Amino acid sequence: MLKYIVKRCVNYVIMLFVATSMTYFLASAFMDPRSNYMERHPHPPIESINRSLTNANINDQTPILVRYWRWLKGIVLHWDWGLAPDQSSVRQAVGSRIGASVQLVTIATILSIVLGVSIGVYTAIRQYKWQDRVLNMVATFFLVIPAAVLGLFVALIAIWVNTKTGVRIFYVTGLHAYDGGNPFMWFVDFLQHIFLPTIVLLLPSAVGYHLTQRTYLLDTMNEDYVRTARAKGLPLNKAIRKHALRTSLIPTAVNVAFSITGVFTGAVITETVFAINGLGRYFTTTISTNDINGSVCIAAFGGLCTLAGALLADIFSAWLDPRIRLS
């Protein structure tokens, strides 16, 4: 297993390097940082613009291979991802936002996995009964609601509750407002901020896990080894727990592993609705401001998380199903 993991990691490093390099060339070809200055009225002197662009290593008058080598050398030697067009550090901007995205998405991801898989198993066992029909109808309802609409709806409900009670129970923007040193007050303040965006992220994600786990388990319940266990007198619930559930969790585990990318790269719409400065919101900002270095950094980070999820997916599959051999 260790040899397999090392081999996969080497392959992933090569893949990530190639993908990140291609992203850099594409971003350099399609983004125009010079326009950030030229659209000002009046625009700064051309010498000043060139000096700022050169300092950030995004001057279109410098050959692309020269810029790429400087950019690559800065990452390898100093872990420096360069500067934005406004001369701010990309590394510091990403570092200050990772914590916000992790806080926002991790709780929702864990809850959605537990809740979604549990409901999926519950409805699969009760296929076509009223519990199954009602929960599937509710799941379909939340599946078709756009994240922006759901976020605004949840925010309006929270504002209405705060108004009716006369107490600020929920915060609609940000993740923190308490600056004191009391840990309990900090935790209460955090819960007041995190509750609404967690609901918005939790519902669609849990619905996805619910529907997929239900489908996987229904397929597995009809396998020969499960029917054989039933024929030998094993009750349905016990046959599902001992035989069908473990196998049906394999594709779900793969989906969970790939959800790691979302944990670290943030949720663009939710962060925008609730004014949270996470990586998702930062990524859209880098694109709109022609920030070549920032957009490539986020894309590389997302690629790293995706490849880590792929590796975990293989490991989870082998752990859940001993028949799978990794070589």
Protein backbone atom coordinates (compact mmCIF):
# COMPACT_ATOMS: atom_id res chain seq x y z
CA MET A 1 0.00 0.00 0.00
CA LEU A 2 2.82 2.41 0.86
CA LYS A 3 4.49 1.76 -2.50
CA TYR A 4 1.20 2.45 -4.26
CA ILE A 5 0.67 5.72 -2.36
CA VAL A 6 4.21 6.93 -3.18
CA LYS A 7 3.76 6.07 -6.84
CA ARG A 8 0.41 7.85 -7.01
CA CYS A 9 1.82 10.92 -5.26
CA VAL A 10 4.64 11.18 -7.80
CA ASN A 11 2.14 10.95 -10.65
CA TYR A 12 -0.07 13.55 -9.01
CA VAL A 13 2.83 15.98 -8.54
CA ILE A 14 3.62 15.75 -12.25
CA MET A 15 -0.05 16.18 -13.19
CA LEU A 16 -0.42 19.16 -10.86
CA PHE A 17 2.71 20.82 -12.25
CA VAL A 18 1.52 20.44 -15.84
CA ALA A 19 -2.03 21.61 -15.04
CA THR A 20 -0.83 24.61 -13.05
CA SER A 21 1.62 25.63 -15.76
CA MET A 22 -1.11 25.42 -18.41
CA THR A 23 -3.37 27.51 -16.18
CA TYR A 24 -0.65 30.15 -15.90
CA PHE A 25 -0.24 30.40 -19.67
CA LEU A 26 -4.02 30.54 -20.23
CA ALA A 27 -4.51 33.19 -17.54
CA SER A 28 -1.66 35.25 -18.99
CA ALA A 29 -3.19 35.00 -22.47
CA PHE A 30 -6.75 35.97 -21.57
CA MET A 31 -6.34 38.37 -18.63
CA ASP A 32 -5.28 41.96 -19.16
CA PRO A 33 -3.93 43.56 -15.97
CA ARG A 34 -2.90 46.64 -17.95
CA SER A 35 -6.57 47.47 -18.50
CA ASN A 36 -6.98 47.99 -14.72
CA TYR A 37 -4.84 51.12 -15.11
CA MET A 38 -5.83 52.22 -18.60
CA GLU A 39 -9.55 52.35 -17.70
CA ARG A 40 -8.90 55.05 -15.10
CA HIS A 41 -9.69 58.63 -16.09
CA PRO A 42 -7.13 59.99 -16.35
CA HIS A 43 -4.92 56.90 -16.38
CA PRO A 44 -1.47 56.97 -14.71
CA PRO A 45 1.63 57.62 -16.81
CA ILE A 46 2.66 54.68 -19.00
CA GLU A 47 6.03 54.47 -17.24
CA SER A 48 4.31 54.12 -13.89
CA ILE A 49 1.96 51.43 -15.25
CA ASN A 50 4.86 49.46 -16.70
CA ARG A 51 6.78 49.74 -13.45
CA SER A 52 3.83 48.39 -11.42
CA LEU A 53 3.17 45.54 -13.85
CA THR A 54 6.83 44.59 -13.99
CA ASN A 55 7.05 44.60 -10.19
CA ALA A 56 4.14 42.14 -10.09
CA ASN A 57 5.65 40.11 -12.98
CA ILE A 58 2.51 40.54 -15.10
CA ASN A 59 3.77 43.01 -17.70
CA ASP A 60 2.49 41.91 -21.11
CA GLN A 61 5.51 43.56 -22.73
CA THR A 62 7.80 41.02 -21.05
CA PRO A 63 8.09 37.67 -22.90
CA ILE A 64 5.75 35.06 -21.40
CA LEU A 65 8.52 32.50 -20.88
CA VAL A 66 10.55 35.03 -18.90
CA ARG A 67 7.55 35.80 -16.72
CA TYR A 68 6.80 32.09 -16.27
CA TRP A 69 10.37 31.32 -15.18
CA ARG A 70 10.35 34.14 -12.63
CA TRP A 71 6.97 32.99 -11.33
CA LEU A 72 8.05 29.35 -11.07
CA LYS A 73 11.35 30.23 -9.42
CA GLY A 74 9.57 32.36 -6.83
CA ILE A 75 7.27 29.48 -5.90
CA VAL A 76 9.96 26.80 -5.74
CA LEU A 77 12.56 28.84 -3.86
CA HIS A 78 10.42 31.10 -1.65
CA TRP A 79 6.83 29.79 -1.90
CA ASP A 80 6.00 33.22 -3.26
CA TRP A 81 2.94 33.20 -5.56
CA GLY A 82 3.56 36.74 -6.72
CA LEU A 83 1.67 40.01 -6.45
CA ALA A 84 -1.77 41.14 -7.53
CA PRO A 85 -2.15 44.12 -9.89
CA ASP A 86 -2.66 46.33 -6.83
CA GLN A 87 0.75 45.14 -5.51
CA SER A 88 -0.75 43.10 -2.64
CA SER A 89 0.71 39.69 -1.81
CA VAL A 90 -1.22 36.71 -3.21
CA ARG A 91 0.20 34.38 -0.57
CA GLN A 92 -1.01 36.59 2.26
CA ALA A 93 -4.42 37.07 0.65
CA VAL A 94 -4.93 33.32 0.26
CA GLY A 95 -3.58 32.55 3.73
CA SER A 96 -5.95 35.00 5.40
CA ARG A 97 -8.96 33.45 3.64
CA ILE A 98 -8.29 29.74 4.03
CA GLY A 99 -9.43 29.81 7.64
CA ALA A 100 -12.75 31.41 6.73
CA SER A 101 -13.48 28.83 4.03
CA VAL A 102 -12.52 25.92 6.28
CA GLN A 103 -14.73 27.19 9.11
CA LEU A 104 -17.61 27.78 6.75
CA VAL A 105 -17.55 24.59 4.71
CA THR A 106 -16.14 21.92 7.06
CA ILE A 107 -19.10 21.91 9.46
CA ALA A 108 -21.62 21.85 6.62
CA THR A 109 -19.71 19.06 4.84
CA ILE A 110 -19.57 16.79 7.90
CA LEU A 111 -23.22 17.34 8.76
CA SER A 112 -24.35 16.84 5.17
CA ILE A 113 -22.48 13.52 4.91
CA VAL A 114 -23.91 12.15 8.16
CA LEU A 115 -27.43 13.42 7.52
CA GLY A 116 -27.54 12.61 3.81
CA VAL A 117 -26.18 9.06 4.09
CA SER A 118 -28.45 8.30 7.06
CA ILE A 119 -31.57 9.48 5.22
CA GLY A 120 -30.47 7.60 2.10
CA VAL A 121 -30.22 4.34 4.03
CA TYR A 122 -33.52 5.05 5.82
CA THR A 123 -35.44 5.67 2.57
CA ALA A 124 -33.84 2.74 0.74
CA ILE A 125 -35.01 0.32 3.41
CA ARG A 126 -38.52 1.82 3.16
CA GLN A 127 -38.66 1.99 -0.64
CA TYR A 128 -42.02 3.29 -1.98
CA LYS A 129 -43.44 3.72 1.53
CA TRP A 130 -44.78 7.10 2.60
CA GLN A 131 -41.54 8.00 4.39
CA ASP A 132 -39.60 7.38 1.19
CA ARG A 133 -42.02 9.38 -0.95
CA VAL A 134 -42.16 12.37 1.40
CA LEU A 135 -38.40 12.60 1.90
CA ASN A 136 -37.74 12.22 -1.82
CA MET A 137 -40.23 14.99 -2.56
CA VAL A 138 -38.52 17.28 -0.04
CA ALA A 139 -35.12 16.35 -1.50
CA THR A 140 -36.26 17.21 -5.02
CA PHE A 141 -37.54 20.57 -3.81
CA PHE A 142 -34.20 21.59 -2.29
CA LEU A 143 -32.27 20.10 -5.22
CA VAL A 144 -33.80 22.50 -7.75
CA ILE A 145 -33.52 25.68 -5.66
CA PRO A 146 -30.51 27.81 -6.74
CA ALA A 147 -28.00 28.45 -3.97
CA ALA A 148 -28.40 32.24 -4.29
CA VAL A 149 -32.19 32.03 -3.91
CA LEU A 150 -31.90 29.69 -0.93
CA GLY A 151 -29.32 31.96 0.70
CA LEU A 152 -31.48 35.07 0.31
CA PHE A 153 -34.54 33.19 1.59
CA VAL A 154 -32.68 31.98 4.69
CA ALA A 155 -31.29 35.48 5.30
CA LEU A 156 -34.77 37.04 5.07
CA ILE A 157 -36.18 34.51 7.53
CA ALA A 158 -33.33 35.25 9.97
CA ILE A 159 -33.94 39.01 9.69
CA TRP A 160 -37.67 38.45 10.31
CA VAL A 161 -36.90 36.32 13.41
CA ASN A 162 -34.52 38.97 14.76
CA THR A 163 -37.13 41.67 14.20
CA LYS A 164 -39.97 39.74 15.82
CA THR A 165 -37.99 38.71 18.88
CA GLY A 166 -36.24 42.07 19.28
CA VAL A 167 -32.97 40.20 19.83
CA ARG A 168 -30.17 39.60 17.36
CA ILE A 169 -30.21 35.81 17.34
CA PHE A 170 -28.61 35.42 13.92
CA TYR A 171 -25.92 37.43 12.14
CA VAL A 172 -26.41 37.70 8.40
CA THR A 173 -22.88 38.80 7.43
CA GLY A 174 -19.37 37.74 8.35
CA LEU A 175 -18.09 34.98 10.62
CA HIS A 176 -17.05 36.88 13.74
CA ALA A 177 -18.02 40.06 15.57
CA TYR A 178 -16.80 39.42 19.13
CA ASP A 179 -13.35 40.82 19.95
CA GLY A 180 -13.18 39.96 23.65
CA GLY A 181 -11.22 37.23 25.38
CA ASN A 182 -14.11 35.15 26.73
CA PRO A 183 -14.02 31.75 24.93
CA PHE A 184 -17.69 31.06 25.64
CA MET A 185 -18.82 34.39 24.21
CA TRP A 186 -16.57 33.83 21.18
CA PHE A 187 -18.17 30.43 20.58
CA VAL A 188 -21.71 31.81 20.90
CA ASP A 189 -20.83 34.61 18.50
CA PHE A 190 -19.37 32.07 16.07
CA LEU A 191 -22.54 29.96 16.18
CA GLN A 192 -24.69 33.04 15.53
CA HIS A 193 -22.65 33.78 12.40
CA ILE A 194 -22.10 30.26 11.08
CA PHE A 195 -25.66 28.95 11.47
CA LEU A 196 -27.22 30.57 8.39
CA PRO A 197 -24.50 29.83 5.80
CA THR A 198 -24.23 26.29 7.20
CA ILE A 199 -27.94 25.73 6.53
CA VAL A 200 -27.54 27.02 2.97
CA LEU A 201 -24.59 24.70 2.29
CA LEU A 202 -26.01 21.76 4.24
CA LEU A 203 -29.38 21.32 2.52
CA PRO A 204 -28.31 20.86 -1.13
CA SER A 205 -25.28 18.77 -0.19
CA ALA A 206 -27.26 16.48 2.15
CA VAL A 207 -29.90 16.04 -0.55
CA GLY A 208 -27.20 14.90 -2.98
CA TYR A 209 -25.80 12.34 -0.54
CA HIS A 210 -29.34 11.18 0.31
CA LEU A 211 -30.36 10.49 -3.29
CA THR A 212 -27.08 8.88 -4.34
CA GLN A 213 -26.79 6.68 -1.24
CA ARG A 214 -30.41 5.55 -1.69
CA THR A 215 -29.70 4.57 -5.30
CA TYR A 216 -26.46 2.75 -4.44
CA LEU A 217 -28.05 0.83 -1.58
CA LEU A 218 -31.09 -0.18 -3.63
CA ASP A 219 -28.78 -1.58 -6.31
CA THR A 220 -26.75 -3.49 -3.73
CA MET A 221 -29.80 -4.88 -1.94
CA ASN A 222 -30.68 -6.84 -5.08
CA GLU A 223 -27.31 -8.55 -5.34
CA ASP A 224 -27.12 -12.34 -5.06
CA TYR A 225 -25.12 -12.37 -1.84
CA VAL A 226 -27.74 -10.23 -0.07
CA ARG A 227 -30.61 -12.41 -1.32
CA THR A 228 -28.68 -15.49 -0.19
CA ALA A 229 -28.28 -14.03 3.29
CA ARG A 230 -32.03 -13.30 3.39
CA ALA A 231 -32.83 -16.83 2.24
CA LYS A 232 -30.76 -18.20 5.12
CA GLY A 233 -33.05 -16.38 7.53
CA LEU A 234 -31.10 -13.18 8.18
CA PRO A 235 -33.49 -10.27 8.86
CA LEU A 236 -33.59 -7.47 6.28
CA ASN A 237 -32.04 -4.79 8.47
CA LYS A 238 -29.21 -7.08 9.55
CA ALA A 239 -28.55 -8.24 5.98
CA ILE A 240 -28.31 -4.63 4.87
CA ARG A 241 -25.96 -3.64 7.68
CA LYS A 242 -23.65 -6.64 7.34
CA HIS A 243 -23.57 -7.06 3.56
CA ALA A 244 -25.23 -4.39 1.43
CA LEU A 245 -24.35 -1.19 3.28
CA ARG A 246 -20.58 -1.63 3.24
CA THR A 247 -20.48 -2.16 -0.52
CA SER A 248 -22.90 0.69 -1.25
CA LEU A 249 -20.73 3.09 0.76
CA ILE A 250 -17.83 2.74 -1.71
CA PRO A 251 -19.13 5.24 -4.35
CA THR A 252 -20.34 7.50 -1.54
CA ALA A 253 -16.85 7.45 0.00
CA VAL A 254 -15.46 8.49 -3.39
CA ASN A 255 -17.87 11.45 -3.49
CA VAL A 256 -16.91 12.40 0.06
CA ALA A 257 -13.20 12.31 -0.79
CA PHE A 258 -13.67 14.65 -3.73
CA SER A 259 -15.70 17.04 -1.57
CA ILE A 260 -12.41 18.00 0.12
CA THR A 261 -11.86 20.42 -2.73
CA GLY A 262 -14.99 22.32 -1.75
CA VAL A 263 -13.88 22.48 1.88
CA PHE A 264 -10.74 24.42 1.05
CA THR A 265 -11.73 26.37 -2.04
CA GLY A 266 -14.88 27.71 -0.45
CA ALA A 267 -18.42 28.30 -1.66
CA VAL A 268 -18.63 31.24 -4.04
CA ILE A 269 -22.35 32.00 -3.87
CA THR A 270 -22.78 31.45 -0.14
CA GLU A 271 -19.72 33.54 0.67
CA THR A 272 -21.06 36.32 -1.54
CA VAL A 273 -24.58 36.27 -0.05
CA PHE A 274 -23.31 36.35 3.54
CA ALA A 275 -20.32 38.65 2.88
CA ILE A 276 -17.71 36.11 4.00
CA ASN A 277 -14.16 36.67 2.76
CA GLY A 278 -13.31 33.09 1.83
CA LEU A 279 -11.38 31.57 -1.04
CA GLY A 280 -14.44 31.16 -3.23
CA ARG A 281 -15.24 34.85 -3.15
CA TYR A 282 -11.56 35.69 -3.59
CA PHE A 283 -11.38 33.52 -6.73
CA THR A 284 -14.17 35.49 -8.42
CA THR A 285 -12.43 38.71 -7.39
CA THR A 286 -9.14 37.62 -8.98
CA ILE A 287 -10.91 36.94 -12.28
CA SER A 288 -12.81 40.23 -12.31
CA THR A 289 -9.66 42.22 -11.49
CA ASN A 290 -7.37 40.43 -13.98
CA ASP A 291 -5.27 39.02 -11.16
CA ILE A 292 -3.21 36.41 -13.00
CA ASN A 293 -1.13 35.27 -10.04
CA GLY A 294 -4.09 35.08 -7.67
CA SER A 295 -6.31 33.08 -10.01
CA VAL A 296 -3.51 30.61 -10.81
CA CYS A 297 -2.79 30.17 -7.10
CA ILE A 298 -6.42 29.31 -6.33
CA ALA A 299 -6.63 26.99 -9.34
CA ALA A 300 -3.46 25.20 -8.23
CA PHE A 301 -4.77 24.87 -4.69
CA GLY A 302 -8.04 23.46 -5.97
CA GLY A 303 -6.14 20.99 -8.15
CA LEU A 304 -4.07 19.88 -5.16
CA CYS A 305 -7.22 19.26 -3.12
CA THR A 306 -8.80 17.33 -6.00
CA LEU A 307 -5.79 15.04 -6.35
CA ALA A 308 -5.71 14.51 -2.59
CA GLY A 309 -9.37 13.54 -2.80
CA ALA A 310 -8.60 11.08 -5.61
CA LEU A 311 -5.93 9.41 -3.48
CA LEU A 312 -8.24 9.22 -0.48
CA ALA A 313 -10.99 7.80 -2.69
CA ASP A 314 -8.73 4.89 -3.70
CA ILE A 315 -7.73 4.26 -0.10
CA PHE A 316 -11.35 4.37 1.13
CA SER A 317 -12.43 1.97 -1.59
CA ALA A 318 -9.75 -0.55 -0.64
CA TRP A 319 -10.63 -0.26 3.03
CA LEU A 320 -14.36 -0.76 2.45
CA ASP A 321 -13.96 -3.58 -0.07
CA PRO A 322 -11.08 -6.06 0.56
CA ARG A 323 -11.59 -7.46 -2.96
CA ILE A 324 -10.06 -4.32 -4.41
CA ARG A 325 -6.33 -4.76 -4.90
CA LEU A 326 -4.10 -1.71 -5.29
CA SER A 327 -0.83 -2.35 -7.01
